[in-house]
């Protein structure tokens, strides 16, 4: 079974514009605001400083920061093109292809080299065969 991340657990980008908005809001709230935010998240003030620094590119704390400030929730991060393609393909698989995919996952896990390549090539070949319409939904 697949686990779905809660919105607060997603990693969001931390753009320079977003970081400067957070820093400005912390300054506006005055002394102790960063400590209160860290306690709310919860994380250390050092982690906040790191997130807001020049090397901070993304963080799983963004949604919590928005909640603390009373800002609207951030837009969920956009999935990669590869993730979109995988979802597109998954939705079009027959029941037999889905079963093969589920059966293959634990077999390929931990394999490497020629053995993994052989298993994946066999799966790819199976996926190239069109699914039987009567097979869908089983």
C-alpha atoms as a PDB file:
ATOM      1  CA  UNK A   1       0.000   0.000   0.000  1.00  0.00           C
ATOM      2  CA  UNK A   2       1.276   3.466  -0.865  1.00  0.00           C
ATOM      3  CA  UNK A   3       1.601   6.117   1.812  1.00  0.00           C
ATOM      4  CA  UNK A   4       0.425   9.619   1.009  1.00  0.00           C
ATOM      5  CA  UNK A   5       2.354  12.475   2.574  1.00  0.00           C
ATOM      6  CA  UNK A   6       0.354  14.874   4.664  1.00  0.00           C
ATOM      7  CA  UNK A   7       0.518  18.439   3.395  1.00  0.00           C
ATOM      8  CA  UNK A   8       2.696  19.463   6.362  1.00  0.00           C
ATOM      9  CA  UNK A   9       5.196  16.710   5.491  1.00  0.00           C
ATOM     10  CA  UNK A  10       5.797  17.765   1.888  1.00  0.00           C
ATOM     11  CA  UNK A  11       9.053  19.421   0.916  1.00  0.00           C
ATOM     12  CA  UNK A  12       8.469  22.841  -0.614  1.00  0.00           C
ATOM     13  CA  UNK A  13      10.916  25.122  -2.410  1.00  0.00           C
ATOM     14  CA  UNK A  14      12.210  28.087  -0.419  1.00  0.00           C
ATOM     15  CA  UNK A  15      12.662  30.887  -2.926  1.00  0.00           C
ATOM     16  CA  UNK A  16      14.523  34.080  -2.103  1.00  0.00           C
ATOM     17  CA  UNK A  17      11.204  35.946  -2.195  1.00  0.00           C
ATOM     18  CA  UNK A  18       9.634  33.508   0.292  1.00  0.00           C
ATOM     19  CA  UNK A  19      12.666  33.613   2.603  1.00  0.00           C
ATOM     20  CA  UNK A  20      12.717  37.422   2.633  1.00  0.00           C
ATOM     21  CA  UNK A  21       8.971  37.440   3.416  1.00  0.00           C
ATOM     22  CA  UNK A  22       9.549  35.103   6.374  1.00  0.00           C
ATOM     23  CA  UNK A  23      12.490  37.176   7.608  1.00  0.00           C
ATOM     24  CA  UNK A  24      10.423  40.368   7.331  1.00  0.00           C
ATOM     25  CA  UNK A  25       7.523  38.798   9.260  1.00  0.00           C
ATOM     26  CA  UNK A  26       9.912  37.618  11.975  1.00  0.00           C
ATOM     27  CA  UNK A  27      11.370  41.148  12.231  1.00  0.00           C
ATOM     28  CA  UNK A  28       7.860  42.627  12.375  1.00  0.00           C
ATOM     29  CA  UNK A  29       6.902  40.296  15.237  1.00  0.00           C
ATOM     30  CA  UNK A  30      10.009  41.257  17.155  1.00  0.00           C
ATOM     31  CA  UNK A  31      12.128  39.598  19.778  1.00  0.00           C
ATOM     32  CA  UNK A  32      11.381  35.936  20.440  1.00  0.00           C
ATOM     33  CA  UNK A  33       9.486  35.397  17.171  1.00  0.00           C
ATOM     34  CA  UNK A  34      12.076  33.001  15.739  1.00  0.00           C
ATOM     35  CA  UNK A  35      12.113  30.963  18.956  1.00  0.00           C
ATOM     36  CA  UNK A  36       8.299  30.836  18.991  1.00  0.00           C
ATOM     37  CA  UNK A  37       8.270  29.710  15.360  1.00  0.00           C
ATOM     38  CA  UNK A  38      10.870  27.019  16.058  1.00  0.00           C
ATOM     39  CA  UNK A  39       8.818  25.771  19.005  1.00  0.00           C
ATOM     40  CA  UNK A  40       5.644  25.732  16.863  1.00  0.00           C
ATOM     41  CA  UNK A  41       7.209  23.746  13.985  1.00  0.00           C
ATOM     42  CA  UNK A  42       8.986  22.026  16.072  1.00  0.00           C
ATOM     43  CA  UNK A  43      12.628  22.446  15.089  1.00  0.00           C
ATOM     44  CA  UNK A  44      15.710  24.228  16.357  1.00  0.00           C
ATOM     45  CA  UNK A  45      16.358  27.920  15.714  1.00  0.00           C
ATOM     46  CA  UNK A  46      19.517  26.775  13.936  1.00  0.00           C
ATOM     47  CA  UNK A  47      17.419  24.781  11.471  1.00  0.00           C
ATOM     48  CA  UNK A  48      15.334  27.899  10.798  1.00  0.00           C
ATOM     49  CA  UNK A  49      18.461  29.966  10.240  1.00  0.00           C
ATOM     50  CA  UNK A  50      19.767  27.333   7.836  1.00  0.00           C
ATOM     51  CA  UNK A  51      16.437  27.177   5.970  1.00  0.00           C
ATOM     52  CA  UNK A  52      16.367  30.959   5.561  1.00  0.00           C
ATOM     53  CA  UNK A  53      20.056  31.194   4.602  1.00  0.00           C
ATOM     54  CA  UNK A  54      21.484  31.329   1.080  1.00  0.00           C
ATOM     55  CA  UNK A  55      21.954  27.545   0.905  1.00  0.00           C
ATOM     56  CA  UNK A  56      18.342  26.756   1.891  1.00  0.00           C
ATOM     57  CA  UNK A  57      16.608  25.642  -1.314  1.00  0.00           C
ATOM     58  CA  UNK A  58      13.721  23.562   0.064  1.00  0.00           C
ATOM     59  CA  UNK A  59      12.211  22.582   3.384  1.00  0.00           C
ATOM     60  CA  UNK A  60       9.536  20.384   4.910  1.00  0.00           C
ATOM     61  CA  UNK A  61       8.780  23.225   7.364  1.00  0.00           C
ATOM     62  CA  UNK A  62       7.234  25.623   4.813  1.00  0.00           C
ATOM     63  CA  UNK A  63       3.609  24.607   5.496  1.00  0.00           C
ATOM     64  CA  UNK A  64       4.188  24.931   9.256  1.00  0.00           C
ATOM     65  CA  UNK A  65       5.704  28.405   8.779  1.00  0.00           C
ATOM     66  CA  UNK A  66       2.591  29.437   6.842  1.00  0.00           C
ATOM     67  CA  UNK A  67       0.352  28.049   9.600  1.00  0.00           C
ATOM     68  CA  UNK A  68       2.307  29.910  12.290  1.00  0.00           C
ATOM     69  CA  UNK A  69       2.007  33.253  10.491  1.00  0.00           C
ATOM     70  CA  UNK A  70      -1.634  32.685   9.522  1.00  0.00           C
ATOM     71  CA  UNK A  71      -0.716  32.768   5.845  1.00  0.00           C
ATOM     72  CA  UNK A  72      -2.668  30.707   3.287  1.00  0.00           C
ATOM     73  CA  UNK A  73      -1.236  27.220   2.822  1.00  0.00           C
ATOM     74  CA  UNK A  74       1.487  26.967   0.172  1.00  0.00           C
ATOM     75  CA  UNK A  75       0.677  25.402  -3.177  1.00  0.00           C
ATOM     76  CA  UNK A  76       1.736  21.747  -3.201  1.00  0.00           C
ATOM     77  CA  UNK A  77       5.039  21.241  -5.000  1.00  0.00           C
ATOM     78  CA  UNK A  78       4.707  20.226  -8.631  1.00  0.00           C
ATOM     79  CA  UNK A  79       5.629  16.628  -9.358  1.00  0.00           C
ATOM     80  CA  UNK A  80       8.479  16.014 -11.753  1.00  0.00           C
ATOM     81  CA  UNK A  81       7.810  15.224 -15.386  1.00  0.00           C
ATOM     82  CA  UNK A  82       8.933  11.648 -14.678  1.00  0.00           C
ATOM     83  CA  UNK A  83       6.414  11.304 -11.842  1.00  0.00           C
ATOM     84  CA  UNK A  84       3.662  12.601 -14.119  1.00  0.00           C
ATOM     85  CA  UNK A  85       4.638  10.145 -16.844  1.00  0.00           C
ATOM     86  CA  UNK A  86       4.662   7.258 -14.366  1.00  0.00           C
ATOM     87  CA  UNK A  87       1.209   8.232 -13.105  1.00  0.00           C
ATOM     88  CA  UNK A  88      -0.046   8.490 -16.700  1.00  0.00           C
ATOM     89  CA  UNK A  89       1.279   5.004 -17.492  1.00  0.00           C
ATOM     90  CA  UNK A  90       0.023   3.505 -14.226  1.00  0.00           C
ATOM     91  CA  UNK A  91      -3.527   4.689 -14.880  1.00  0.00           C
ATOM     92  CA  UNK A  92      -3.538   2.899 -18.225  1.00  0.00           C
ATOM     93  CA  UNK A  93      -2.256  -0.490 -17.030  1.00  0.00           C
ATOM     94  CA  UNK A  94      -4.414  -3.560 -17.204  1.00  0.00           C
ATOM     95  CA  UNK A  95      -5.027  -5.610 -14.067  1.00  0.00           C
ATOM     96  CA  UNK A  96      -2.441  -8.154 -15.276  1.00  0.00           C
ATOM     97  CA  UNK A  97       0.153  -5.425 -15.821  1.00  0.00           C
ATOM     98  CA  UNK A  98      -0.557  -3.945 -12.381  1.00  0.00           C
ATOM     99  CA  UNK A  99      -0.164  -7.387 -10.810  1.00  0.00           C
ATOM    100  CA  UNK A 100       3.130  -7.892 -12.620  1.00  0.00           C
ATOM    101  CA  UNK A 101       4.360  -4.518 -11.370  1.00  0.00           C
ATOM    102  CA  UNK A 102       3.412  -5.339  -7.771  1.00  0.00           C
ATOM    103  CA  UNK A 103       4.942  -8.808  -8.014  1.00  0.00           C
ATOM    104  CA  UNK A 104       8.133  -7.467  -9.571  1.00  0.00           C
ATOM    105  CA  UNK A 105       8.850  -4.767  -6.965  1.00  0.00           C
ATOM    106  CA  UNK A 106       9.993  -7.060  -4.120  1.00  0.00           C
ATOM    107  CA  UNK A 107      11.919  -9.269  -6.566  1.00  0.00           C
ATOM    108  CA  UNK A 108      13.947  -6.389  -8.041  1.00  0.00           C
ATOM    109  CA  UNK A 109      14.475  -4.669  -4.688  1.00  0.00           C
ATOM    110  CA  UNK A 110      18.088  -5.072  -3.655  1.00  0.00           C
ATOM    111  CA  UNK A 111      19.196  -6.548  -6.993  1.00  0.00           C
ATOM    112  CA  UNK A 112      21.874  -4.993  -9.139  1.00  0.00           C
ATOM    113  CA  UNK A 113      23.817  -5.533 -12.304  1.00  0.00           C
ATOM    114  CA  UNK A 114      22.816  -8.075 -14.921  1.00  0.00           C
ATOM    115  CA  UNK A 115      20.188  -9.760 -12.742  1.00  0.00           C
ATOM    116  CA  UNK A 116      18.266  -6.521 -12.141  1.00  0.00           C
ATOM    117  CA  UNK A 117      18.593  -5.555 -15.796  1.00  0.00           C
ATOM    118  CA  UNK A 118      17.186  -8.937 -16.892  1.00  0.00           C
ATOM    119  CA  UNK A 119      14.214  -8.590 -14.532  1.00  0.00           C
ATOM    120  CA  UNK A 120      13.448  -5.032 -15.604  1.00  0.00           C
ATOM    121  CA  UNK A 121      13.762  -5.897 -19.308  1.00  0.00           C
ATOM    122  CA  UNK A 122      11.285  -8.750 -18.837  1.00  0.00           C
ATOM    123  CA  UNK A 123       8.869  -6.363 -17.112  1.00  0.00           C
ATOM    124  CA  UNK A 124       9.264  -3.742 -19.845  1.00  0.00           C
ATOM    125  CA  UNK A 125       8.532  -6.355 -22.498  1.00  0.00           C
ATOM    126  CA  UNK A 126       5.406  -7.424 -20.604  1.00  0.00           C
ATOM    127  CA  UNK A 127       4.245  -3.808 -20.402  1.00  0.00           C
ATOM    128  CA  UNK A 128       4.710  -3.353 -24.141  1.00  0.00           C
ATOM    129  CA  UNK A 129       2.071  -5.991 -24.777  1.00  0.00           C
ATOM    130  CA  UNK A 130      -1.324  -4.298 -24.881  1.00  0.00           C
ATOM    131  CA  UNK A 131      -3.593  -5.037 -21.947  1.00  0.00           C
ATOM    132  CA  UNK A 132      -6.732  -7.081 -22.449  1.00  0.00           C
ATOM    133  CA  UNK A 133      -9.783  -4.819 -22.013  1.00  0.00           C
ATOM    134  CA  UNK A 134     -11.615  -7.671 -20.245  1.00  0.00           C
ATOM    135  CA  UNK A 135      -8.741  -7.781 -17.750  1.00  0.00           C
ATOM    136  CA  UNK A 136      -9.217  -4.212 -16.443  1.00  0.00           C
ATOM    137  CA  UNK A 137     -10.543  -3.812 -12.948  1.00  0.00           C
ATOM    138  CA  UNK A 138      -9.646  -7.320 -11.808  1.00  0.00           C
END
